[in-house]
Amino acid sequence: MTTNRMPPLAEDAWSDEQRALAQEMINGPRGALLPPFEPLLRSPELMAHAQRMGEYLRYRSAIGQRLSELAILVTARHWSQPVEWAIHAPIAEAQGIDLRDIRAINAGDEPQTLKADERLVWRFCQELHGERRVSDETWQQAVAQFDEKGVMDLVGLCGYYAFLSMVMNAARTPAPASTAEPLMVREAE
């Protein structure tokens, strides 16, 4: 077991800026100061910008919550990020992503029962993370499906959740209790 390098700060040790930011998150759609923000609380200005971007991408992106959750899972799998997986796998299932597909993503396999729009999001995210670019064919299909705003939001989801994954992987943030099957560790990891 690895030690959490940046455990939650005691509330009585928070600065006024940290307290205000934490309260903003608690009062917002998240309803709590979630694990990704425990390490970020050490840099309040960075956390402020990150949480506002994340709030938009998670709750109001142009591609909708179901597809946003799928993009988050693909990103969590790519970065081997158990916190994001524990939080978002149950949400993705509740949003309508088939449990068989969630399990396939967890295993690093190609999902077999995705709907057409889900398959496009999966492929787009796989290409962006794995190849560090998106093919012309996938790009054109994504623009036709989601328009340019939706495509930028999809890129934003991949980038934002990669950022959070890096924060928590570096800080060794432990996964919270979850109804999701734990993220599988692959040999190459």
N, C-alpha and C. Protein backbone atom coordinates (compact mmCIF):
# COMPACT_ATOMS: atom_id res chain seq x y z
N MET A 1 0.85 -1.20 0.00
CA MET A 1 0.00 0.00 0.00
C MET A 1 0.88 1.24 0.00
N THR A 2 0.48 2.23 -0.76
CA THR A 2 1.26 3.47 -0.83
C THR A 2 0.63 4.52 0.08
N THR A 3 1.45 5.38 0.58
CA THR A 3 1.02 6.42 1.50
C THR A 3 0.50 7.63 0.74
N ASN A 4 -0.63 8.14 1.18
CA ASN A 4 -1.20 9.36 0.62
C ASN A 4 -0.24 10.51 0.93
N ARG A 5 0.34 11.09 -0.12
CA ARG A 5 1.31 12.16 0.07
C ARG A 5 0.68 13.49 0.46
N MET A 6 -0.59 13.65 0.14
CA MET A 6 -1.28 14.91 0.44
C MET A 6 -2.67 14.61 1.00
N PRO A 7 -2.71 14.12 2.24
CA PRO A 7 -4.01 13.81 2.83
C PRO A 7 -4.82 15.08 3.05
N PRO A 8 -6.11 14.93 3.34
CA PRO A 8 -6.93 16.12 3.57
C PRO A 8 -6.33 17.00 4.66
N LEU A 9 -6.37 18.30 4.42
CA LEU A 9 -5.92 19.26 5.43
C LEU A 9 -7.01 19.41 6.48
N ALA A 10 -6.61 19.59 7.72
CA ALA A 10 -7.58 19.85 8.78
C ALA A 10 -8.27 21.18 8.51
N GLU A 11 -9.59 21.18 8.64
CA GLU A 11 -10.36 22.40 8.34
C GLU A 11 -9.90 23.59 9.18
N ASP A 12 -9.50 23.35 10.41
CA ASP A 12 -9.07 24.46 11.26
C ASP A 12 -7.72 25.04 10.83
N ALA A 13 -7.04 24.36 9.89
CA ALA A 13 -5.77 24.85 9.36
C ALA A 13 -5.95 25.57 8.02
N TRP A 14 -7.16 25.57 7.46
CA TRP A 14 -7.40 26.22 6.18
C TRP A 14 -7.24 27.72 6.28
N SER A 15 -6.69 28.31 5.23
CA SER A 15 -6.67 29.77 5.12
C SER A 15 -8.09 30.23 4.74
N ASP A 16 -8.29 31.53 4.82
CA ASP A 16 -9.60 32.07 4.42
C ASP A 16 -9.90 31.73 2.97
N GLU A 17 -8.87 31.80 2.10
CA GLU A 17 -9.05 31.49 0.69
C GLU A 17 -9.41 30.02 0.49
N GLN A 18 -8.74 29.14 1.20
CA GLN A 18 -9.04 27.70 1.11
C GLN A 18 -10.47 27.43 1.60
N ARG A 19 -10.84 28.05 2.70
CA ARG A 19 -12.19 27.86 3.26
C ARG A 19 -13.26 28.33 2.27
N ALA A 20 -13.05 29.47 1.65
CA ALA A 20 -14.02 30.01 0.69
C ALA A 20 -14.15 29.08 -0.52
N LEU A 21 -13.03 28.57 -1.01
CA LEU A 21 -13.07 27.65 -2.16
C LEU A 21 -13.74 26.34 -1.80
N ALA A 22 -13.42 25.80 -0.65
CA ALA A 22 -14.06 24.55 -0.21
C ALA A 22 -15.56 24.75 -0.08
N GLN A 23 -15.96 25.88 0.49
CA GLN A 23 -17.39 26.15 0.65
C GLN A 23 -18.09 26.31 -0.70
N GLU A 24 -17.40 26.94 -1.66
CA GLU A 24 -17.95 27.07 -3.01
C GLU A 24 -18.23 25.70 -3.61
N MET A 25 -17.31 24.76 -3.41
CA MET A 25 -17.52 23.41 -3.94
C MET A 25 -18.65 22.70 -3.21
N ILE A 26 -18.70 22.84 -1.90
CA ILE A 26 -19.74 22.19 -1.10
C ILE A 26 -21.11 22.73 -1.50
N ASN A 27 -21.20 24.03 -1.77
CA ASN A 27 -22.47 24.65 -2.16
C ASN A 27 -22.84 24.40 -3.61
N GLY A 28 -21.89 23.93 -4.43
CA GLY A 28 -22.13 23.69 -5.85
C GLY A 28 -22.69 22.31 -6.12
N PRO A 29 -22.73 21.90 -7.37
CA PRO A 29 -23.34 20.62 -7.73
C PRO A 29 -22.60 19.40 -7.17
N ARG A 30 -21.33 19.53 -6.82
CA ARG A 30 -20.60 18.40 -6.26
C ARG A 30 -21.08 18.08 -4.85
N GLY A 31 -21.43 19.12 -4.08
CA GLY A 31 -21.96 18.93 -2.74
C GLY A 31 -20.93 18.57 -1.69
N ALA A 32 -19.64 18.50 -2.05
CA ALA A 32 -18.61 18.10 -1.10
C ALA A 32 -17.24 18.48 -1.67
N LEU A 33 -16.26 18.48 -0.80
CA LEU A 33 -14.87 18.62 -1.22
C LEU A 33 -14.37 17.21 -1.52
N LEU A 34 -14.39 16.85 -2.79
CA LEU A 34 -14.09 15.48 -3.22
C LEU A 34 -12.58 15.22 -3.25
N PRO A 35 -12.18 13.94 -3.24
CA PRO A 35 -10.75 13.59 -3.18
C PRO A 35 -9.85 14.30 -4.19
N PRO A 36 -10.27 14.52 -5.45
CA PRO A 36 -9.33 15.20 -6.36
C PRO A 36 -8.92 16.59 -5.88
N PHE A 37 -9.76 17.20 -5.05
CA PHE A 37 -9.48 18.57 -4.64
C PHE A 37 -8.75 18.66 -3.31
N GLU A 38 -8.57 17.52 -2.63
CA GLU A 38 -7.80 17.54 -1.39
C GLU A 38 -6.36 17.95 -1.64
N PRO A 39 -5.66 17.36 -2.62
CA PRO A 39 -4.30 17.85 -2.88
C PRO A 39 -4.30 19.26 -3.48
N LEU A 40 -5.28 19.55 -4.33
CA LEU A 40 -5.32 20.86 -5.00
C LEU A 40 -5.57 22.01 -4.02
N LEU A 41 -6.14 21.72 -2.87
CA LEU A 41 -6.42 22.77 -1.89
C LEU A 41 -5.13 23.47 -1.46
N ARG A 42 -3.98 22.81 -1.63
CA ARG A 42 -2.70 23.42 -1.28
C ARG A 42 -2.35 24.60 -2.20
N SER A 43 -2.95 24.64 -3.38
CA SER A 43 -2.74 25.75 -4.32
C SER A 43 -4.11 26.34 -4.65
N PRO A 44 -4.62 27.21 -3.79
CA PRO A 44 -6.00 27.67 -3.94
C PRO A 44 -6.35 28.27 -5.29
N GLU A 45 -5.46 29.06 -5.88
CA GLU A 45 -5.81 29.67 -7.17
C GLU A 45 -5.91 28.61 -8.26
N LEU A 46 -4.96 27.66 -8.27
CA LEU A 46 -5.04 26.56 -9.23
C LEU A 46 -6.33 25.77 -9.02
N MET A 47 -6.65 25.47 -7.75
CA MET A 47 -7.87 24.73 -7.45
C MET A 47 -9.10 25.50 -7.92
N ALA A 48 -9.13 26.80 -7.73
CA ALA A 48 -10.29 27.60 -8.13
C ALA A 48 -10.54 27.49 -9.63
N HIS A 49 -9.49 27.63 -10.41
CA HIS A 49 -9.65 27.53 -11.86
C HIS A 49 -10.02 26.12 -12.27
N ALA A 50 -9.37 25.14 -11.66
CA ALA A 50 -9.63 23.74 -12.02
C ALA A 50 -11.07 23.35 -11.69
N GLN A 51 -11.53 23.69 -10.50
CA GLN A 51 -12.88 23.26 -10.11
C GLN A 51 -13.95 23.91 -10.96
N ARG A 52 -13.74 25.14 -11.38
CA ARG A 52 -14.74 25.80 -12.23
C ARG A 52 -14.78 25.17 -13.62
N MET A 53 -13.61 24.85 -14.16
CA MET A 53 -13.58 24.16 -15.45
C MET A 53 -14.25 22.80 -15.32
N GLY A 54 -13.90 22.09 -14.26
CA GLY A 54 -14.48 20.76 -14.05
C GLY A 54 -15.98 20.79 -13.85
N GLU A 55 -16.46 21.79 -13.14
CA GLU A 55 -17.91 21.90 -12.93
C GLU A 55 -18.63 22.06 -14.27
N TYR A 56 -18.08 22.90 -15.13
CA TYR A 56 -18.67 23.05 -16.46
C TYR A 56 -18.62 21.74 -17.23
N LEU A 57 -17.44 21.15 -17.32
CA LEU A 57 -17.28 19.94 -18.14
C LEU A 57 -18.12 18.78 -17.62
N ARG A 58 -18.19 18.62 -16.32
CA ARG A 58 -18.92 17.48 -15.76
C ARG A 58 -20.43 17.66 -15.83
N TYR A 59 -20.90 18.85 -15.59
CA TYR A 59 -22.35 19.05 -15.45
C TYR A 59 -23.03 19.75 -16.62
N ARG A 60 -22.26 20.47 -17.46
CA ARG A 60 -22.92 21.25 -18.50
C ARG A 60 -22.24 21.14 -19.87
N SER A 61 -21.42 20.14 -20.09
CA SER A 61 -20.72 20.06 -21.37
C SER A 61 -21.72 19.91 -22.52
N ALA A 62 -21.28 20.30 -23.68
CA ALA A 62 -22.14 20.25 -24.86
C ALA A 62 -22.47 18.83 -25.30
N ILE A 63 -21.74 17.83 -24.81
CA ILE A 63 -22.05 16.45 -25.21
C ILE A 63 -22.95 15.73 -24.20
N GLY A 64 -23.28 16.37 -23.09
CA GLY A 64 -24.19 15.79 -22.11
C GLY A 64 -23.47 14.89 -21.12
N GLN A 65 -24.15 14.61 -20.02
CA GLN A 65 -23.52 13.87 -18.93
C GLN A 65 -23.21 12.42 -19.26
N ARG A 66 -24.06 11.74 -19.99
CA ARG A 66 -23.80 10.33 -20.30
C ARG A 66 -22.48 10.19 -21.04
N LEU A 67 -22.30 10.97 -22.09
CA LEU A 67 -21.08 10.88 -22.88
C LEU A 67 -19.88 11.47 -22.15
N SER A 68 -20.11 12.48 -21.33
CA SER A 68 -19.03 13.03 -20.51
C SER A 68 -18.50 11.97 -19.55
N GLU A 69 -19.40 11.23 -18.93
CA GLU A 69 -18.97 10.19 -17.99
C GLU A 69 -18.18 9.09 -18.71
N LEU A 70 -18.58 8.78 -19.92
CA LEU A 70 -17.82 7.79 -20.69
C LEU A 70 -16.41 8.30 -20.97
N ALA A 71 -16.28 9.56 -21.37
CA ALA A 71 -14.96 10.14 -21.62
C ALA A 71 -14.11 10.13 -20.35
N ILE A 72 -14.73 10.38 -19.21
CA ILE A 72 -14.02 10.36 -17.94
C ILE A 72 -13.49 8.95 -17.65
N LEU A 73 -14.31 7.93 -17.91
CA LEU A 73 -13.86 6.56 -17.67
C LEU A 73 -12.69 6.18 -18.57
N VAL A 74 -12.76 6.56 -19.84
CA VAL A 74 -11.66 6.24 -20.76
C VAL A 74 -10.39 6.93 -20.28
N THR A 75 -10.52 8.15 -19.80
CA THR A 75 -9.36 8.89 -19.29
C THR A 75 -8.83 8.25 -18.01
N ALA A 76 -9.72 7.90 -17.09
CA ALA A 76 -9.29 7.25 -15.85
C ALA A 76 -8.56 5.94 -16.15
N ARG A 77 -9.07 5.18 -17.12
CA ARG A 77 -8.40 3.92 -17.49
C ARG A 77 -7.02 4.21 -18.08
N HIS A 78 -6.95 5.20 -18.96
CA HIS A 78 -5.68 5.51 -19.60
C HIS A 78 -4.63 5.89 -18.56
N TRP A 79 -5.03 6.66 -17.55
CA TRP A 79 -4.10 7.15 -16.53
C TRP A 79 -4.03 6.22 -15.32
N SER A 80 -4.73 5.07 -15.38
CA SER A 80 -4.76 4.13 -14.24
C SER A 80 -5.09 4.87 -12.95
N GLN A 81 -6.19 5.62 -12.97
CA GLN A 81 -6.54 6.49 -11.86
C GLN A 81 -7.73 5.92 -11.09
N PRO A 82 -7.47 5.26 -9.95
CA PRO A 82 -8.54 4.59 -9.21
C PRO A 82 -9.56 5.51 -8.56
N VAL A 83 -9.17 6.73 -8.19
CA VAL A 83 -10.14 7.64 -7.58
C VAL A 83 -11.20 8.03 -8.60
N GLU A 84 -10.76 8.47 -9.78
CA GLU A 84 -11.72 8.85 -10.81
C GLU A 84 -12.59 7.67 -11.21
N TRP A 85 -11.99 6.49 -11.29
CA TRP A 85 -12.76 5.30 -11.62
C TRP A 85 -13.82 5.03 -10.56
N ALA A 86 -13.42 5.06 -9.28
CA ALA A 86 -14.35 4.76 -8.19
C ALA A 86 -15.52 5.75 -8.16
N ILE A 87 -15.22 7.01 -8.45
CA ILE A 87 -16.28 8.03 -8.43
C ILE A 87 -17.17 7.92 -9.67
N HIS A 88 -16.57 7.75 -10.84
CA HIS A 88 -17.32 7.92 -12.08
C HIS A 88 -17.91 6.65 -12.69
N ALA A 89 -17.39 5.47 -12.37
CA ALA A 89 -18.00 4.25 -12.93
C ALA A 89 -19.46 4.11 -12.51
N PRO A 90 -19.82 4.30 -11.24
CA PRO A 90 -21.24 4.21 -10.88
C PRO A 90 -22.08 5.31 -11.53
N ILE A 91 -21.51 6.51 -11.68
CA ILE A 91 -22.25 7.60 -12.32
C ILE A 91 -22.48 7.26 -13.80
N ALA A 92 -21.45 6.74 -14.46
CA ALA A 92 -21.59 6.38 -15.87
C ALA A 92 -22.69 5.34 -16.05
N GLU A 93 -22.71 4.35 -15.17
CA GLU A 93 -23.76 3.33 -15.27
C GLU A 93 -25.14 3.95 -15.04
N ALA A 94 -25.25 4.83 -14.05
CA ALA A 94 -26.53 5.49 -13.78
C ALA A 94 -26.96 6.39 -14.95
N GLN A 95 -25.99 6.91 -15.70
CA GLN A 95 -26.29 7.76 -16.86
C GLN A 95 -26.64 6.94 -18.10
N GLY A 96 -26.49 5.61 -18.02
CA GLY A 96 -26.91 4.77 -19.13
C GLY A 96 -25.80 4.04 -19.87
N ILE A 97 -24.56 4.13 -19.42
CA ILE A 97 -23.48 3.36 -20.04
C ILE A 97 -23.62 1.92 -19.55
N ASP A 98 -23.68 0.99 -20.48
CA ASP A 98 -23.89 -0.42 -20.15
C ASP A 98 -22.74 -0.94 -19.27
N LEU A 99 -23.10 -1.67 -18.23
CA LEU A 99 -22.10 -2.22 -17.31
C LEU A 99 -21.09 -3.11 -18.03
N ARG A 100 -21.52 -3.81 -19.07
CA ARG A 100 -20.58 -4.65 -19.84
C ARG A 100 -19.50 -3.79 -20.49
N ASP A 101 -19.89 -2.61 -20.95
CA ASP A 101 -18.92 -1.71 -21.57
C ASP A 101 -17.99 -1.10 -20.52
N ILE A 102 -18.53 -0.77 -19.35
CA ILE A 102 -17.70 -0.25 -18.26
C ILE A 102 -16.66 -1.30 -17.87
N ARG A 103 -17.08 -2.54 -17.77
CA ARG A 103 -16.14 -3.62 -17.42
C ARG A 103 -15.08 -3.80 -18.51
N ALA A 104 -15.48 -3.69 -19.77
CA ALA A 104 -14.52 -3.83 -20.87
C ALA A 104 -13.48 -2.69 -20.81
N ILE A 105 -13.94 -1.48 -20.58
CA ILE A 105 -13.01 -0.35 -20.47
C ILE A 105 -12.06 -0.59 -19.31
N ASN A 106 -12.58 -1.04 -18.19
CA ASN A 106 -11.75 -1.34 -17.03
C ASN A 106 -10.66 -2.35 -17.38
N ALA A 107 -11.01 -3.36 -18.14
CA ALA A 107 -10.05 -4.41 -18.53
C ALA A 107 -9.11 -3.96 -19.64
N GLY A 108 -9.35 -2.78 -20.20
CA GLY A 108 -8.52 -2.30 -21.30
C GLY A 108 -8.92 -2.91 -22.63
N ASP A 109 -10.13 -3.46 -22.68
CA ASP A 109 -10.65 -4.08 -23.90
C ASP A 109 -11.58 -3.13 -24.64
N GLU A 110 -11.81 -3.42 -25.90
CA GLU A 110 -12.76 -2.62 -26.67
C GLU A 110 -14.18 -2.98 -26.26
N PRO A 111 -14.96 -2.00 -25.86
CA PRO A 111 -16.36 -2.27 -25.49
C PRO A 111 -17.15 -2.74 -26.71
N GLN A 112 -18.06 -3.67 -26.51
CA GLN A 112 -18.78 -4.29 -27.63
C GLN A 112 -20.22 -3.84 -27.77
N THR A 113 -20.81 -3.21 -26.76
CA THR A 113 -22.24 -2.89 -26.84
C THR A 113 -22.53 -1.40 -26.77
N LEU A 114 -21.54 -0.58 -27.04
CA LEU A 114 -21.75 0.86 -27.03
C LEU A 114 -22.74 1.29 -28.10
N LYS A 115 -23.54 2.31 -27.79
CA LYS A 115 -24.39 2.95 -28.78
C LYS A 115 -23.48 3.73 -29.74
N ALA A 116 -24.00 4.15 -30.87
CA ALA A 116 -23.17 4.80 -31.90
C ALA A 116 -22.46 6.05 -31.38
N ASP A 117 -23.18 6.91 -30.64
CA ASP A 117 -22.53 8.13 -30.13
C ASP A 117 -21.49 7.79 -29.07
N GLU A 118 -21.75 6.75 -28.28
CA GLU A 118 -20.79 6.31 -27.27
C GLU A 118 -19.53 5.74 -27.93
N ARG A 119 -19.71 4.96 -28.98
CA ARG A 119 -18.56 4.39 -29.69
C ARG A 119 -17.68 5.50 -30.26
N LEU A 120 -18.30 6.55 -30.77
CA LEU A 120 -17.54 7.67 -31.31
C LEU A 120 -16.74 8.36 -30.21
N VAL A 121 -17.36 8.59 -29.06
CA VAL A 121 -16.65 9.20 -27.93
C VAL A 121 -15.50 8.29 -27.49
N TRP A 122 -15.78 7.00 -27.36
CA TRP A 122 -14.73 6.05 -26.95
C TRP A 122 -13.55 6.10 -27.91
N ARG A 123 -13.84 6.04 -29.21
CA ARG A 123 -12.77 6.04 -30.23
C ARG A 123 -11.99 7.36 -30.20
N PHE A 124 -12.71 8.48 -30.11
CA PHE A 124 -12.07 9.79 -30.06
C PHE A 124 -11.11 9.86 -28.87
N CYS A 125 -11.58 9.47 -27.70
CA CYS A 125 -10.75 9.51 -26.48
C CYS A 125 -9.57 8.54 -26.58
N GLN A 126 -9.82 7.35 -27.12
CA GLN A 126 -8.74 6.37 -27.28
C GLN A 126 -7.65 6.93 -28.19
N GLU A 127 -8.04 7.53 -29.29
CA GLU A 127 -7.06 8.09 -30.21
C GLU A 127 -6.30 9.25 -29.56
N LEU A 128 -7.04 10.15 -28.91
CA LEU A 128 -6.40 11.32 -28.33
C LEU A 128 -5.41 10.93 -27.24
N HIS A 129 -5.80 10.01 -26.37
CA HIS A 129 -4.89 9.57 -25.30
C HIS A 129 -3.78 8.68 -25.84
N GLY A 130 -4.13 7.71 -26.64
CA GLY A 130 -3.16 6.71 -27.08
C GLY A 130 -2.23 7.17 -28.18
N GLU A 131 -2.76 7.93 -29.12
CA GLU A 131 -1.96 8.38 -30.27
C GLU A 131 -1.54 9.84 -30.14
N ARG A 132 -2.11 10.54 -29.13
CA ARG A 132 -1.84 11.96 -28.91
C ARG A 132 -2.32 12.83 -30.07
N ARG A 133 -3.27 12.30 -30.81
CA ARG A 133 -3.91 13.04 -31.92
C ARG A 133 -5.21 12.30 -32.25
N VAL A 134 -6.01 12.91 -33.12
CA VAL A 134 -7.27 12.31 -33.55
C VAL A 134 -7.23 12.24 -35.06
N SER A 135 -7.60 11.08 -35.62
CA SER A 135 -7.59 10.91 -37.07
C SER A 135 -8.60 11.84 -37.73
N ASP A 136 -8.38 12.14 -39.00
CA ASP A 136 -9.32 12.98 -39.74
C ASP A 136 -10.71 12.38 -39.75
N GLU A 137 -10.79 11.08 -39.96
CA GLU A 137 -12.09 10.41 -40.01
C GLU A 137 -12.84 10.57 -38.69
N THR A 138 -12.18 10.30 -37.58
CA THR A 138 -12.83 10.42 -36.27
C THR A 138 -13.20 11.86 -35.98
N TRP A 139 -12.30 12.79 -36.32
CA TRP A 139 -12.57 14.21 -36.10
C TRP A 139 -13.82 14.64 -36.87
N GLN A 140 -13.88 14.29 -38.14
CA GLN A 140 -15.02 14.69 -38.97
C GLN A 140 -16.32 14.09 -38.44
N GLN A 141 -16.28 12.85 -38.02
CA GLN A 141 -17.47 12.23 -37.45
C GLN A 141 -17.89 12.92 -36.16
N ALA A 142 -16.91 13.28 -35.34
CA ALA A 142 -17.23 13.95 -34.07
C ALA A 142 -17.83 15.33 -34.31
N VAL A 143 -17.27 16.09 -35.25
CA VAL A 143 -17.83 17.41 -35.56
C VAL A 143 -19.24 17.26 -36.11
N ALA A 144 -19.46 16.28 -36.97
CA ALA A 144 -20.81 16.06 -37.52
C ALA A 144 -21.79 15.67 -36.42
N GLN A 145 -21.35 14.91 -35.44
CA GLN A 145 -22.21 14.44 -34.35
C GLN A 145 -22.43 15.50 -33.28
N PHE A 146 -21.35 16.18 -32.88
CA PHE A 146 -21.41 17.05 -31.70
C PHE A 146 -21.19 18.53 -31.99
N ASP A 147 -20.87 18.91 -33.19
CA ASP A 147 -20.44 20.23 -33.65
C ASP A 147 -19.12 20.60 -32.98
N GLU A 148 -18.55 21.72 -33.39
CA GLU A 148 -17.22 22.08 -32.91
C GLU A 148 -17.18 22.35 -31.42
N LYS A 149 -18.26 22.91 -30.86
CA LYS A 149 -18.30 23.15 -29.41
C LYS A 149 -18.24 21.82 -28.67
N GLY A 150 -19.02 20.86 -29.11
CA GLY A 150 -19.01 19.55 -28.47
C GLY A 150 -17.66 18.87 -28.56
N VAL A 151 -17.00 19.01 -29.71
CA VAL A 151 -15.67 18.41 -29.87
C VAL A 151 -14.68 19.08 -28.92
N MET A 152 -14.74 20.40 -28.79
CA MET A 152 -13.83 21.07 -27.85
C MET A 152 -14.13 20.65 -26.42
N ASP A 153 -15.40 20.48 -26.08
CA ASP A 153 -15.73 20.02 -24.73
C ASP A 153 -15.21 18.60 -24.50
N LEU A 154 -15.25 17.77 -25.53
CA LEU A 154 -14.72 16.41 -25.41
C LEU A 154 -13.21 16.44 -25.20
N VAL A 155 -12.51 17.27 -25.95
CA VAL A 155 -11.07 17.45 -25.74
C VAL A 155 -10.83 17.97 -24.32
N GLY A 156 -11.65 18.93 -23.90
CA GLY A 156 -11.53 19.48 -22.55
C GLY A 156 -11.72 18.42 -21.47
N LEU A 157 -12.69 17.54 -21.66
CA LEU A 157 -12.91 16.46 -20.69
C LEU A 157 -11.67 15.56 -20.59
N CYS A 158 -11.13 15.19 -21.73
CA CYS A 158 -9.92 14.34 -21.72
C CYS A 158 -8.78 15.05 -21.01
N GLY A 159 -8.57 16.32 -21.33
CA GLY A 159 -7.47 17.06 -20.73
C GLY A 159 -7.67 17.34 -19.26
N TYR A 160 -8.87 17.72 -18.88
CA TYR A 160 -9.14 18.04 -17.47
C TYR A 160 -9.00 16.81 -16.59
N TYR A 161 -9.57 15.69 -17.03
CA TYR A 161 -9.48 14.49 -16.20
C TYR A 161 -8.09 13.85 -16.25
N ALA A 162 -7.32 14.13 -17.31
CA ALA A 162 -5.91 13.73 -17.31
C ALA A 162 -5.17 14.56 -16.26
N PHE A 163 -5.46 15.85 -16.20
CA PHE A 163 -4.86 16.72 -15.18
C PHE A 163 -5.17 16.20 -13.78
N LEU A 164 -6.45 15.95 -13.49
CA LEU A 164 -6.81 15.45 -12.16
C LEU A 164 -6.15 14.10 -11.89
N SER A 165 -6.05 13.26 -12.91
CA SER A 165 -5.40 11.97 -12.74
C SER A 165 -3.93 12.15 -12.37
N MET A 166 -3.26 13.08 -13.03
CA MET A 166 -1.86 13.34 -12.71
C MET A 166 -1.72 13.86 -11.28
N VAL A 167 -2.61 14.77 -10.87
CA VAL A 167 -2.57 15.29 -9.51
C VAL A 167 -2.69 14.14 -8.51
N MET A 168 -3.68 13.29 -8.70
CA MET A 168 -3.91 12.23 -7.71
C MET A 168 -2.89 11.10 -7.81
N ASN A 169 -2.41 10.80 -9.00
CA ASN A 169 -1.36 9.78 -9.12
C ASN A 169 -0.08 10.27 -8.43
N ALA A 170 0.26 11.55 -8.61
CA ALA A 170 1.45 12.10 -7.97
C ALA A 170 1.28 12.15 -6.45
N ALA A 171 0.09 12.56 -6.00
CA ALA A 171 -0.17 12.68 -4.56
C ALA A 171 -0.50 11.34 -3.91
N ARG A 172 -0.72 10.33 -4.73
CA ARG A 172 -1.13 9.00 -4.24
C ARG A 172 -2.43 9.06 -3.45
N THR A 173 -3.38 9.79 -3.98
CA THR A 173 -4.69 9.93 -3.35
C THR A 173 -5.40 8.58 -3.37
N PRO A 174 -5.83 8.07 -2.23
CA PRO A 174 -6.51 6.77 -2.22
C PRO A 174 -7.93 6.86 -2.74
N ALA A 175 -8.38 5.79 -3.36
CA ALA A 175 -9.74 5.73 -3.89
C ALA A 175 -10.74 5.67 -2.73
N PRO A 176 -11.85 6.38 -2.87
CA PRO A 176 -12.90 6.30 -1.85
C PRO A 176 -13.67 4.99 -2.00
N ALA A 177 -14.46 4.68 -0.99
CA ALA A 177 -15.36 3.53 -1.08
C ALA A 177 -16.28 3.75 -2.27
N SER A 178 -16.58 2.67 -2.98
CA SER A 178 -17.38 2.79 -4.20
C SER A 178 -18.13 1.49 -4.46
N THR A 179 -19.23 1.63 -5.17
CA THR A 179 -19.96 0.44 -5.60
C THR A 179 -19.35 -0.13 -6.88
N ALA A 180 -18.42 0.59 -7.47
CA ALA A 180 -17.78 0.14 -8.72
C ALA A 180 -16.76 -0.95 -8.43
N GLU A 181 -16.60 -1.83 -9.42
CA GLU A 181 -15.49 -2.77 -9.34
C GLU A 181 -14.21 -1.95 -9.37
N PRO A 182 -13.20 -2.28 -8.56
CA PRO A 182 -11.96 -1.50 -8.56
C PRO A 182 -11.32 -1.48 -9.95
N LEU A 183 -10.60 -0.42 -10.20
CA LEU A 183 -9.87 -0.31 -11.45
C LEU A 183 -8.81 -1.41 -11.49
N MET A 184 -8.80 -2.14 -12.60
CA MET A 184 -7.85 -3.24 -12.76
C MET A 184 -6.45 -2.68 -13.04
N VAL A 185 -5.46 -3.30 -12.43
CA VAL A 185 -4.08 -2.92 -12.70
C VAL A 185 -3.57 -3.84 -13.80
N ARG A 186 -3.06 -3.23 -14.87
CA ARG A 186 -2.54 -4.01 -15.98
C ARG A 186 -1.05 -4.24 -15.77
N GLU A 187 -0.52 -5.28 -16.37
CA GLU A 187 0.88 -5.66 -16.23
C GLU A 187 1.84 -4.52 -16.56
N ALA A 188 1.57 -3.76 -17.60
CA ALA A 188 2.48 -2.69 -18.04
C ALA A 188 2.48 -1.52 -17.08
N GLU A 189 1.55 -1.50 -16.15
CA GLU A 189 1.46 -0.36 -15.24
C GLU A 189 2.45 -0.57 -14.13
